[in-house]
């Protein structure tokens, strides 16, 4: 296993190197860089198995570096001192997320997960059942029964649904809002995971429209809408983001 660690903070580089050698040194080689541009050049030449990269770096930050990464099979773990970058990390298909200052147990857990994923690389190339279900949903239209007529909307155009008494208020990407006499439970049977998630008894959200997740359990959508996530539903939500 070939691993690359990129962080502009030399103390973080040395800490990560120490943890890797101590716990995983027998599995492969580690290359470290404090210059993200230099690290990107090495990445695209060698195409390693795993990249551990800081988010906030001068010149080329971790998110922009990932966009220029040529190897589609390199697993990616983001490190940052700011947990607001967690959603952005998952949406960019990062394998994991280390919040600084992370400890040895955190590091071991994330790298161990990477090793398991790398062992199953061939299997992962075939879409699993949940991924196929999401693709099928994206290509469908959904009827929205309202008083007087039924609208038909592409599922991808639905941002969120909000429960209002026994009705469902449906927000679309074009800014329109439809009030359906069919409640949110009716639509939840059609708008299923992993594309849609019931964050709260009153909210069903298209996860592709999420831009941020705050530690208090608030989702911020691309529209700026803030949606609460019930505490008991947060672990399931993060497990879905881990599949994206």
Protein backbone atom coordinates (compact mmCIF):
# COMPACT_ATOMS: atom_id res chain seq x y z
CA UNK A 1 0.00 0.00 0.00
CA UNK A 2 1.38 3.38 -1.03
CA UNK A 3 0.27 6.35 1.07
CA UNK A 4 0.78 10.11 0.68
CA UNK A 5 0.35 12.65 3.48
CA UNK A 6 0.08 16.36 2.61
CA UNK A 7 -0.12 19.11 5.24
CA UNK A 8 1.47 22.56 5.28
CA UNK A 9 2.04 22.25 9.05
CA UNK A 10 5.30 20.33 9.57
CA UNK A 11 4.32 19.32 13.10
CA UNK A 12 1.16 17.69 11.69
CA UNK A 13 3.22 15.96 8.99
CA UNK A 14 5.58 14.54 11.61
CA UNK A 15 2.69 13.46 13.84
CA UNK A 16 0.90 11.68 11.01
CA UNK A 17 4.14 10.05 9.89
CA UNK A 18 4.81 8.81 13.42
CA UNK A 19 1.34 7.29 13.74
CA UNK A 20 1.49 5.63 10.34
CA UNK A 21 4.91 4.06 10.87
CA UNK A 22 3.93 2.88 14.34
CA UNK A 23 0.64 1.27 13.33
CA UNK A 24 0.80 0.57 9.58
CA UNK A 25 4.45 0.80 8.56
CA UNK A 26 4.55 -2.92 7.86
CA UNK A 27 1.87 -2.53 5.16
CA UNK A 28 3.57 -0.07 2.85
CA UNK A 29 5.44 3.16 2.21
CA UNK A 30 4.52 6.71 3.22
CA UNK A 31 5.54 9.87 1.35
CA UNK A 32 5.03 13.24 3.07
CA UNK A 33 4.76 16.75 1.64
CA UNK A 34 4.31 20.18 3.23
CA UNK A 35 3.89 21.83 -0.18
CA UNK A 36 0.51 20.93 -1.70
CA UNK A 37 1.55 21.76 -5.29
CA UNK A 38 4.58 19.51 -5.02
CA UNK A 39 2.42 16.85 -3.43
CA UNK A 40 -0.12 17.00 -6.27
CA UNK A 41 2.63 16.51 -8.86
CA UNK A 42 3.82 13.41 -6.99
CA UNK A 43 0.26 12.11 -6.66
CA UNK A 44 -0.45 12.33 -10.36
CA UNK A 45 2.84 10.64 -11.21
CA UNK A 46 2.53 7.74 -8.78
CA UNK A 47 -1.24 7.40 -8.20
CA UNK A 48 -1.01 6.04 -4.63
CA UNK A 49 -3.58 3.94 -2.82
CA UNK A 50 -4.38 6.42 -0.05
CA UNK A 51 -4.12 10.20 0.31
CA UNK A 52 -4.34 11.93 3.70
CA UNK A 53 -4.62 15.66 3.02
CA UNK A 54 -5.21 18.85 4.99
CA UNK A 55 -8.11 21.01 3.79
CA UNK A 56 -6.78 24.49 4.52
CA UNK A 57 -3.40 25.06 2.86
CA UNK A 58 -1.88 28.05 1.04
CA UNK A 59 -1.70 28.14 -2.77
CA UNK A 60 -3.65 24.90 -3.29
CA UNK A 61 -6.10 23.77 -0.63
CA UNK A 62 -7.20 20.19 -0.14
CA UNK A 63 -10.52 20.49 -1.96
CA UNK A 64 -8.93 22.09 -5.03
CA UNK A 65 -6.14 19.53 -4.96
CA UNK A 66 -8.69 16.73 -5.02
CA UNK A 67 -10.32 18.22 -8.12
CA UNK A 68 -6.97 17.94 -9.92
CA UNK A 69 -6.24 14.41 -8.74
CA UNK A 70 -5.97 12.15 -11.79
CA UNK A 71 -6.27 8.82 -10.03
CA UNK A 72 -9.94 7.84 -9.56
CA UNK A 73 -8.99 4.89 -7.35
CA UNK A 74 -7.01 6.79 -4.72
CA UNK A 75 -8.86 6.77 -1.40
CA UNK A 76 -8.96 10.18 0.26
CA UNK A 77 -9.04 11.23 3.92
CA UNK A 78 -9.40 14.93 4.77
CA UNK A 79 -7.87 16.52 7.87
CA UNK A 80 -8.97 19.90 9.18
CA UNK A 81 -9.42 21.87 12.36
CA UNK A 82 -12.88 22.99 11.20
CA UNK A 83 -15.73 20.45 11.18
CA UNK A 84 -17.76 22.62 8.81
CA UNK A 85 -15.69 21.06 6.03
CA UNK A 86 -17.05 17.57 6.81
CA UNK A 87 -19.95 17.73 4.35
CA UNK A 88 -17.74 19.14 1.60
CA UNK A 89 -15.31 16.29 2.21
CA UNK A 90 -17.99 13.62 1.88
CA UNK A 91 -19.52 15.24 -1.19
CA UNK A 92 -16.10 15.09 -2.84
CA UNK A 93 -16.01 11.35 -2.19
CA UNK A 94 -13.49 11.47 0.59
CA UNK A 95 -13.23 8.19 2.44
CA UNK A 96 -13.01 9.73 5.89
CA UNK A 97 -12.57 12.82 7.95
CA UNK A 98 -10.09 13.56 10.75
CA UNK A 99 -10.87 16.56 12.92
CA UNK A 100 -7.73 18.15 14.35
CA UNK A 101 -6.40 17.62 16.87
CA UNK A 102 -7.07 13.94 16.25
CA UNK A 103 -5.69 11.20 18.44
CA UNK A 104 -4.08 7.87 17.65
CA UNK A 105 -7.37 5.96 17.95
CA UNK A 106 -9.03 8.26 15.38
CA UNK A 107 -6.12 7.82 13.00
CA UNK A 108 -6.12 4.04 13.33
CA UNK A 109 -9.88 3.84 12.74
CA UNK A 110 -9.81 5.88 9.53
CA UNK A 111 -6.72 4.24 8.03
CA UNK A 112 -8.02 0.77 8.91
CA UNK A 113 -11.20 1.61 7.05
CA UNK A 114 -9.10 2.67 4.07
CA UNK A 115 -7.28 -0.64 4.10
CA UNK A 116 -10.56 -2.54 4.03
CA UNK A 117 -11.78 -0.42 1.12
CA UNK A 118 -8.54 -0.98 -0.79
CA UNK A 119 -8.87 -4.73 -0.35
CA UNK A 120 -12.32 -4.53 -1.91
CA UNK A 121 -11.38 -2.22 -4.81
CA UNK A 122 -12.58 -4.56 -7.54
CA UNK A 123 -15.85 -5.17 -5.77
CA UNK A 124 -16.38 -1.44 -5.23
CA UNK A 125 -16.15 -0.82 -8.99
CA UNK A 126 -19.53 -2.54 -9.36
CA UNK A 127 -22.38 -0.32 -8.13
CA UNK A 128 -24.00 -1.73 -5.03
CA UNK A 129 -27.74 -2.04 -4.59
CA UNK A 130 -28.14 1.31 -2.81
CA UNK A 131 -26.15 3.14 -5.50
CA UNK A 132 -28.29 1.58 -8.21
CA UNK A 133 -31.43 2.60 -6.35
CA UNK A 134 -30.16 6.19 -6.19
CA UNK A 135 -29.41 6.24 -9.91
CA UNK A 136 -32.87 4.87 -10.65
CA UNK A 137 -34.45 7.59 -8.51
CA UNK A 138 -32.52 10.33 -10.28
CA UNK A 139 -33.99 9.34 -13.65
CA UNK A 140 -37.60 9.22 -12.48
CA UNK A 141 -40.40 11.76 -12.31
CA UNK A 142 -42.78 11.93 -9.40
CA UNK A 143 -46.46 12.93 -9.40
CA UNK A 144 -47.36 15.73 -6.99
CA UNK A 145 -51.14 15.65 -6.43
CA UNK A 146 -52.50 19.07 -5.45
CA UNK A 147 -55.95 20.61 -5.28
CA UNK A 148 -57.13 20.90 -8.88
CA UNK A 149 -54.31 19.11 -10.73
CA UNK A 150 -51.28 16.83 -10.51
CA UNK A 151 -47.81 18.19 -11.24
CA UNK A 152 -44.99 15.97 -12.49
CA UNK A 153 -41.51 16.83 -11.32
CA UNK A 154 -38.10 15.29 -11.86
CA UNK A 155 -36.99 13.82 -8.56
CA UNK A 156 -33.68 15.70 -8.81
CA UNK A 157 -35.62 18.98 -8.91
CA UNK A 158 -37.06 18.38 -5.46
CA UNK A 159 -35.05 20.18 -2.80
CA UNK A 160 -37.05 19.26 0.28
CA UNK A 161 -40.47 18.45 1.66
CA UNK A 162 -41.94 19.99 4.76
CA UNK A 163 -44.86 18.60 6.75
CA UNK A 164 -47.60 21.19 7.42
CA UNK A 165 -50.41 19.64 9.42
CA UNK A 166 -51.53 16.69 7.25
CA UNK A 167 -50.17 18.27 4.04
CA UNK A 168 -46.75 18.22 2.37
CA UNK A 169 -45.12 21.44 1.19
CA UNK A 170 -42.74 20.57 -1.68
CA UNK A 171 -39.91 22.95 -2.58
CA UNK A 172 -38.45 22.72 -6.12
CA UNK A 173 -35.22 24.03 -7.63
CA UNK A 174 -37.05 26.59 -9.79
CA UNK A 175 -38.28 28.28 -6.61
CA UNK A 176 -41.85 27.01 -6.89
CA UNK A 177 -43.64 25.46 -3.93
CA UNK A 178 -46.49 22.96 -4.23
CA UNK A 179 -48.82 22.06 -1.39
CA UNK A 180 -50.02 18.48 -1.68
CA UNK A 181 -52.93 16.97 0.21
CA UNK A 182 -50.82 13.79 0.39
CA UNK A 183 -48.74 13.89 3.56
CA UNK A 184 -44.98 13.56 3.84
CA UNK A 185 -45.27 9.83 4.67
CA UNK A 186 -46.75 9.22 1.21
CA UNK A 187 -43.75 10.81 -0.51
CA UNK A 188 -41.25 9.16 1.82
CA UNK A 189 -42.19 5.81 0.29
CA UNK A 190 -41.09 7.10 -3.13
CA UNK A 191 -38.24 9.44 -2.19
CA UNK A 192 -36.02 6.90 -0.48
CA UNK A 193 -32.46 6.69 0.83
CA UNK A 194 -29.69 7.25 0.04
CA UNK A 195 -30.82 10.21 -2.11
CA UNK A 196 -33.50 11.44 0.31
CA UNK A 197 -33.42 11.37 4.09
CA UNK A 198 -36.05 12.07 6.75
CA UNK A 199 -34.02 14.34 9.01
CA UNK A 200 -36.90 15.12 11.29
CA UNK A 201 -40.58 14.21 11.60
CA UNK A 202 -41.39 17.37 9.63
CA UNK A 203 -38.60 17.34 7.02
CA UNK A 204 -37.56 15.12 4.09
CA UNK A 205 -34.42 16.38 2.33
CA UNK A 206 -32.62 15.75 -0.98
CA UNK A 207 -29.06 15.11 0.25
CA UNK A 208 -27.58 16.28 -3.05
CA UNK A 209 -28.83 19.75 -2.11
CA UNK A 210 -26.92 19.85 1.20
CA UNK A 211 -24.00 22.26 1.53
CA UNK A 212 -23.18 22.21 5.26
CA UNK A 213 -23.79 20.28 8.46
CA UNK A 214 -23.25 22.04 11.77
CA UNK A 215 -22.36 20.25 14.98
CA UNK A 216 -25.71 21.21 16.53
CA UNK A 217 -27.42 19.01 13.92
CA UNK A 218 -28.47 21.74 11.50
CA UNK A 219 -28.29 21.06 7.76
CA UNK A 220 -27.82 24.04 5.43
CA UNK A 221 -29.06 23.50 1.89
CA UNK A 222 -27.79 25.10 -1.32
CA UNK A 223 -30.78 27.45 -1.08
CA UNK A 224 -29.67 28.65 2.35
CA UNK A 225 -32.56 26.89 4.11
CA UNK A 226 -31.64 25.51 7.53
CA UNK A 227 -33.12 22.10 8.37
CA UNK A 228 -32.93 20.43 11.81
CA UNK A 229 -31.68 16.86 12.15
CA UNK A 230 -33.11 14.91 15.05
CA UNK A 231 -30.35 13.70 17.38
CA UNK A 232 -31.29 10.03 17.01
CA UNK A 233 -31.13 10.32 13.20
CA UNK A 234 -27.67 11.90 12.96
CA UNK A 235 -25.66 8.62 12.96
CA UNK A 236 -27.78 7.26 10.08
CA UNK A 237 -27.30 10.51 8.17
CA UNK A 238 -23.50 10.42 8.49
CA UNK A 239 -23.51 6.77 7.40
CA UNK A 240 -25.26 7.82 4.17
CA UNK A 241 -22.77 10.63 3.53
CA UNK A 242 -20.05 8.00 3.94
CA UNK A 243 -21.51 6.16 0.90
CA UNK A 244 -21.62 9.22 -1.38
